[in-house]
Amino acid sequence: MSIKRFGAGARMSQAVVHNGLVFSAGQVGKGADITAQTKDALANLDNWLAEAGTDKSKILSATIWIANMDDFAGMNAVWDAWVDPQNPPARACTEAKLALPEFLFEVMVTAAV
């Protein structure tokens, strides 16, 4: 049984591969608004998926947290432009208080390798 960890630190890994699946850590982005942060976080996610040997077309499920549901449409505009329309994952999105007040968006996914 093989487990591969990517971007591992003392507290967490950015991605873990086991048994043909990739589990990402929550990805946040930089920027002044939901659009910028969502784009940046999804770019981070693309990088970790590639490092783990997969891509967004193989995402099975996604969990999204946004700091304010008033940003739902703006986040969805970025998500819809990014997600593989032929292979959309199961997805949940909820409003939540995120780790730092400047964070507006966070996403965590499970993907096949």
C-alpha atoms as a PDB file:
ATOM      1  CA  MET A   1       0.000   0.000   0.000  1.00  0.00           C
ATOM      2  CA  SER A   2       1.664   3.173  -1.270  1.00  0.00           C
ATOM      3  CA  ILE A   3       0.970   6.682  -0.036  1.00  0.00           C
ATOM      4  CA  LYS A   4       2.557   9.685  -1.765  1.00  0.00           C
ATOM      5  CA  ARG A   5       2.499  13.138  -0.210  1.00  0.00           C
ATOM      6  CA  PHE A   6       3.042  16.388  -2.104  1.00  0.00           C
ATOM      7  CA  GLY A   7       3.832  19.750  -0.561  1.00  0.00           C
ATOM      8  CA  ALA A   8       4.237  18.122   2.833  1.00  0.00           C
ATOM      9  CA  GLY A   9       4.945  20.294   5.834  1.00  0.00           C
ATOM     10  CA  ALA A  10       4.907  19.716   9.564  1.00  0.00           C
ATOM     11  CA  ARG A  11       1.136  20.237   9.771  1.00  0.00           C
ATOM     12  CA  MET A  12      -0.255  18.993   6.472  1.00  0.00           C
ATOM     13  CA  SER A  13       0.301  17.975   2.873  1.00  0.00           C
ATOM     14  CA  GLN A  14      -1.126  19.883  -0.071  1.00  0.00           C
ATOM     15  CA  ALA A  15      -2.091  16.628  -1.795  1.00  0.00           C
ATOM     16  CA  VAL A  16      -2.013  12.941  -0.858  1.00  0.00           C
ATOM     17  CA  VAL A  17      -2.285  10.055  -3.313  1.00  0.00           C
ATOM     18  CA  HIS A  18      -3.498   6.659  -2.148  1.00  0.00           C
ATOM     19  CA  ASN A  19      -5.229   3.770  -3.863  1.00  0.00           C
ATOM     20  CA  GLY A  20      -5.724   5.655  -7.139  1.00  0.00           C
ATOM     21  CA  LEU A  21      -7.175   8.770  -5.509  1.00  0.00           C
ATOM     22  CA  VAL A  22      -5.809  12.254  -4.867  1.00  0.00           C
ATOM     23  CA  PHE A  23      -7.025  14.139  -1.811  1.00  0.00           C
ATOM     24  CA  SER A  24      -6.241  17.854  -1.836  1.00  0.00           C
ATOM     25  CA  ALA A  25      -5.851  20.167   1.101  1.00  0.00           C
ATOM     26  CA  GLY A  26      -8.067  23.218   1.113  1.00  0.00           C
ATOM     27  CA  GLN A  27      -6.750  25.678  -1.448  1.00  0.00           C
ATOM     28  CA  VAL A  28      -7.130  29.417  -0.975  1.00  0.00           C
ATOM     29  CA  GLY A  29      -6.018  32.219  -3.243  1.00  0.00           C
ATOM     30  CA  LYS A  30      -4.732  35.740  -3.134  1.00  0.00           C
ATOM     31  CA  GLY A  31      -6.593  38.761  -4.375  1.00  0.00           C
ATOM     32  CA  ALA A  32      -8.904  41.561  -3.374  1.00  0.00           C
ATOM     33  CA  ASP A  33     -12.189  39.935  -4.358  1.00  0.00           C
ATOM     34  CA  ILE A  34     -13.922  36.589  -4.882  1.00  0.00           C
ATOM     35  CA  THR A  35     -13.028  36.494  -8.584  1.00  0.00           C
ATOM     36  CA  ALA A  36      -9.299  36.937  -8.002  1.00  0.00           C
ATOM     37  CA  GLN A  37      -9.170  34.559  -5.042  1.00  0.00           C
ATOM     38  CA  THR A  38     -11.164  31.853  -6.831  1.00  0.00           C
ATOM     39  CA  LYS A  39      -8.956  32.065  -9.949  1.00  0.00           C
ATOM     40  CA  ASP A  40      -5.790  31.914  -7.838  1.00  0.00           C
ATOM     41  CA  ALA A  41      -6.993  29.011  -5.678  1.00  0.00           C
ATOM     42  CA  LEU A  42      -8.057  27.000  -8.740  1.00  0.00           C
ATOM     43  CA  ALA A  43      -4.657  27.652 -10.343  1.00  0.00           C
ATOM     44  CA  ASN A  44      -3.039  26.329  -7.149  1.00  0.00           C
ATOM     45  CA  LEU A  45      -5.308  23.302  -7.336  1.00  0.00           C
ATOM     46  CA  ASP A  46      -4.363  22.699 -10.990  1.00  0.00           C
ATOM     47  CA  ASN A  47      -0.695  22.700  -9.977  1.00  0.00           C
ATOM     48  CA  TRP A  48      -1.162  20.197  -7.123  1.00  0.00           C
ATOM     49  CA  LEU A  49      -3.288  17.915  -9.291  1.00  0.00           C
ATOM     50  CA  ALA A  50      -0.593  17.943 -11.991  1.00  0.00           C
ATOM     51  CA  GLU A  51       2.086  17.228  -9.382  1.00  0.00           C
ATOM     52  CA  ALA A  52       0.024  14.234  -8.252  1.00  0.00           C
ATOM     53  CA  GLY A  53      -0.353  12.977 -11.829  1.00  0.00           C
ATOM     54  CA  THR A  54      -3.922  14.004 -12.649  1.00  0.00           C
ATOM     55  CA  ASP A  55      -6.021  16.995 -13.706  1.00  0.00           C
ATOM     56  CA  LYS A  56      -9.389  18.676 -13.221  1.00  0.00           C
ATOM     57  CA  SER A  57     -11.115  16.302 -15.660  1.00  0.00           C
ATOM     58  CA  LYS A  58     -10.669  13.559 -13.073  1.00  0.00           C
ATOM     59  CA  ILE A  59     -12.104  15.424 -10.075  1.00  0.00           C
ATOM     60  CA  LEU A  60     -14.760  13.264  -8.438  1.00  0.00           C
ATOM     61  CA  SER A  61     -15.972  15.638  -5.748  1.00  0.00           C
ATOM     62  CA  ALA A  62     -15.369  19.215  -4.658  1.00  0.00           C
ATOM     63  CA  THR A  63     -16.211  21.030  -1.448  1.00  0.00           C
ATOM     64  CA  ILE A  64     -16.232  24.816  -1.614  1.00  0.00           C
ATOM     65  CA  TRP A  65     -16.463  27.267   1.239  1.00  0.00           C
ATOM     66  CA  ILE A  66     -17.088  30.965   0.669  1.00  0.00           C
ATOM     67  CA  ALA A  67     -17.052  33.625   3.338  1.00  0.00           C
ATOM     68  CA  ASN A  68     -20.220  35.303   2.070  1.00  0.00           C
ATOM     69  CA  MET A  69     -23.023  33.797  -0.029  1.00  0.00           C
ATOM     70  CA  ASP A  70     -23.395  37.198  -1.691  1.00  0.00           C
ATOM     71  CA  ASP A  71     -20.257  36.108  -3.619  1.00  0.00           C
ATOM     72  CA  PHE A  72     -21.866  32.873  -4.869  1.00  0.00           C
ATOM     73  CA  ALA A  73     -22.553  34.148  -8.403  1.00  0.00           C
ATOM     74  CA  GLY A  74     -19.072  35.643  -8.777  1.00  0.00           C
ATOM     75  CA  MET A  75     -17.440  32.441  -7.569  1.00  0.00           C
ATOM     76  CA  ASN A  76     -19.634  30.346  -9.879  1.00  0.00           C
ATOM     77  CA  ALA A  77     -18.657  32.481 -12.887  1.00  0.00           C
ATOM     78  CA  VAL A  78     -14.997  31.613 -12.289  1.00  0.00           C
ATOM     79  CA  TRP A  79     -15.770  27.970 -11.449  1.00  0.00           C
ATOM     80  CA  ASP A  80     -17.900  27.514 -14.581  1.00  0.00           C
ATOM     81  CA  ALA A  81     -15.098  28.886 -16.789  1.00  0.00           C
ATOM     82  CA  TRP A  82     -12.565  26.577 -15.097  1.00  0.00           C
ATOM     83  CA  VAL A  83     -14.364  23.253 -14.560  1.00  0.00           C
ATOM     84  CA  ASP A  84     -14.201  20.596 -17.293  1.00  0.00           C
ATOM     85  CA  PRO A  85     -17.758  20.778 -18.707  1.00  0.00           C
ATOM     86  CA  GLN A  86     -17.548  17.178 -19.936  1.00  0.00           C
ATOM     87  CA  ASN A  87     -16.561  15.913 -16.482  1.00  0.00           C
ATOM     88  CA  PRO A  88     -18.122  18.056 -13.747  1.00  0.00           C
ATOM     89  CA  PRO A  89     -17.612  16.686 -10.238  1.00  0.00           C
ATOM     90  CA  ALA A  90     -20.152  16.268  -7.498  1.00  0.00           C
ATOM     91  CA  ARG A  91     -19.976  19.552  -5.619  1.00  0.00           C
ATOM     92  CA  ALA A  92     -21.094  21.244  -2.428  1.00  0.00           C
ATOM     93  CA  CYS A  93     -20.744  24.907  -1.550  1.00  0.00           C
ATOM     94  CA  THR A  94     -21.480  26.536   1.760  1.00  0.00           C
ATOM     95  CA  GLU A  95     -20.878  29.788   3.585  1.00  0.00           C
ATOM     96  CA  ALA A  96     -18.286  29.537   6.340  1.00  0.00           C
ATOM     97  CA  LYS A  97     -15.960  31.605   8.438  1.00  0.00           C
ATOM     98  CA  LEU A  98     -12.565  30.798   6.906  1.00  0.00           C
ATOM     99  CA  ALA A  99      -9.198  30.542   8.663  1.00  0.00           C
ATOM    100  CA  LEU A 100      -8.214  34.177   8.067  1.00  0.00           C
ATOM    101  CA  PRO A 101     -10.547  37.153   7.574  1.00  0.00           C
ATOM    102  CA  GLU A 102      -8.990  37.997   4.192  1.00  0.00           C
ATOM    103  CA  PHE A 103      -9.896  34.574   2.765  1.00  0.00           C
ATOM    104  CA  LEU A 104     -13.084  34.653   0.705  1.00  0.00           C
ATOM    105  CA  PHE A 105     -12.866  31.230  -1.002  1.00  0.00           C
ATOM    106  CA  GLU A 106     -11.511  27.756  -0.256  1.00  0.00           C
ATOM    107  CA  VAL A 107     -11.818  24.518  -2.210  1.00  0.00           C
ATOM    108  CA  MET A 108     -10.878  20.909  -1.467  1.00  0.00           C
ATOM    109  CA  VAL A 109     -11.227  18.044  -3.955  1.00  0.00           C
ATOM    110  CA  THR A 110     -10.895  14.301  -4.378  1.00  0.00           C
ATOM    111  CA  ALA A 111      -9.755  13.163  -7.822  1.00  0.00           C
ATOM    112  CA  ALA A 112      -8.859   9.940  -9.589  1.00  0.00           C
ATOM    113  CA  VAL A 113      -5.278   9.456 -10.747  1.00  0.00           C
END
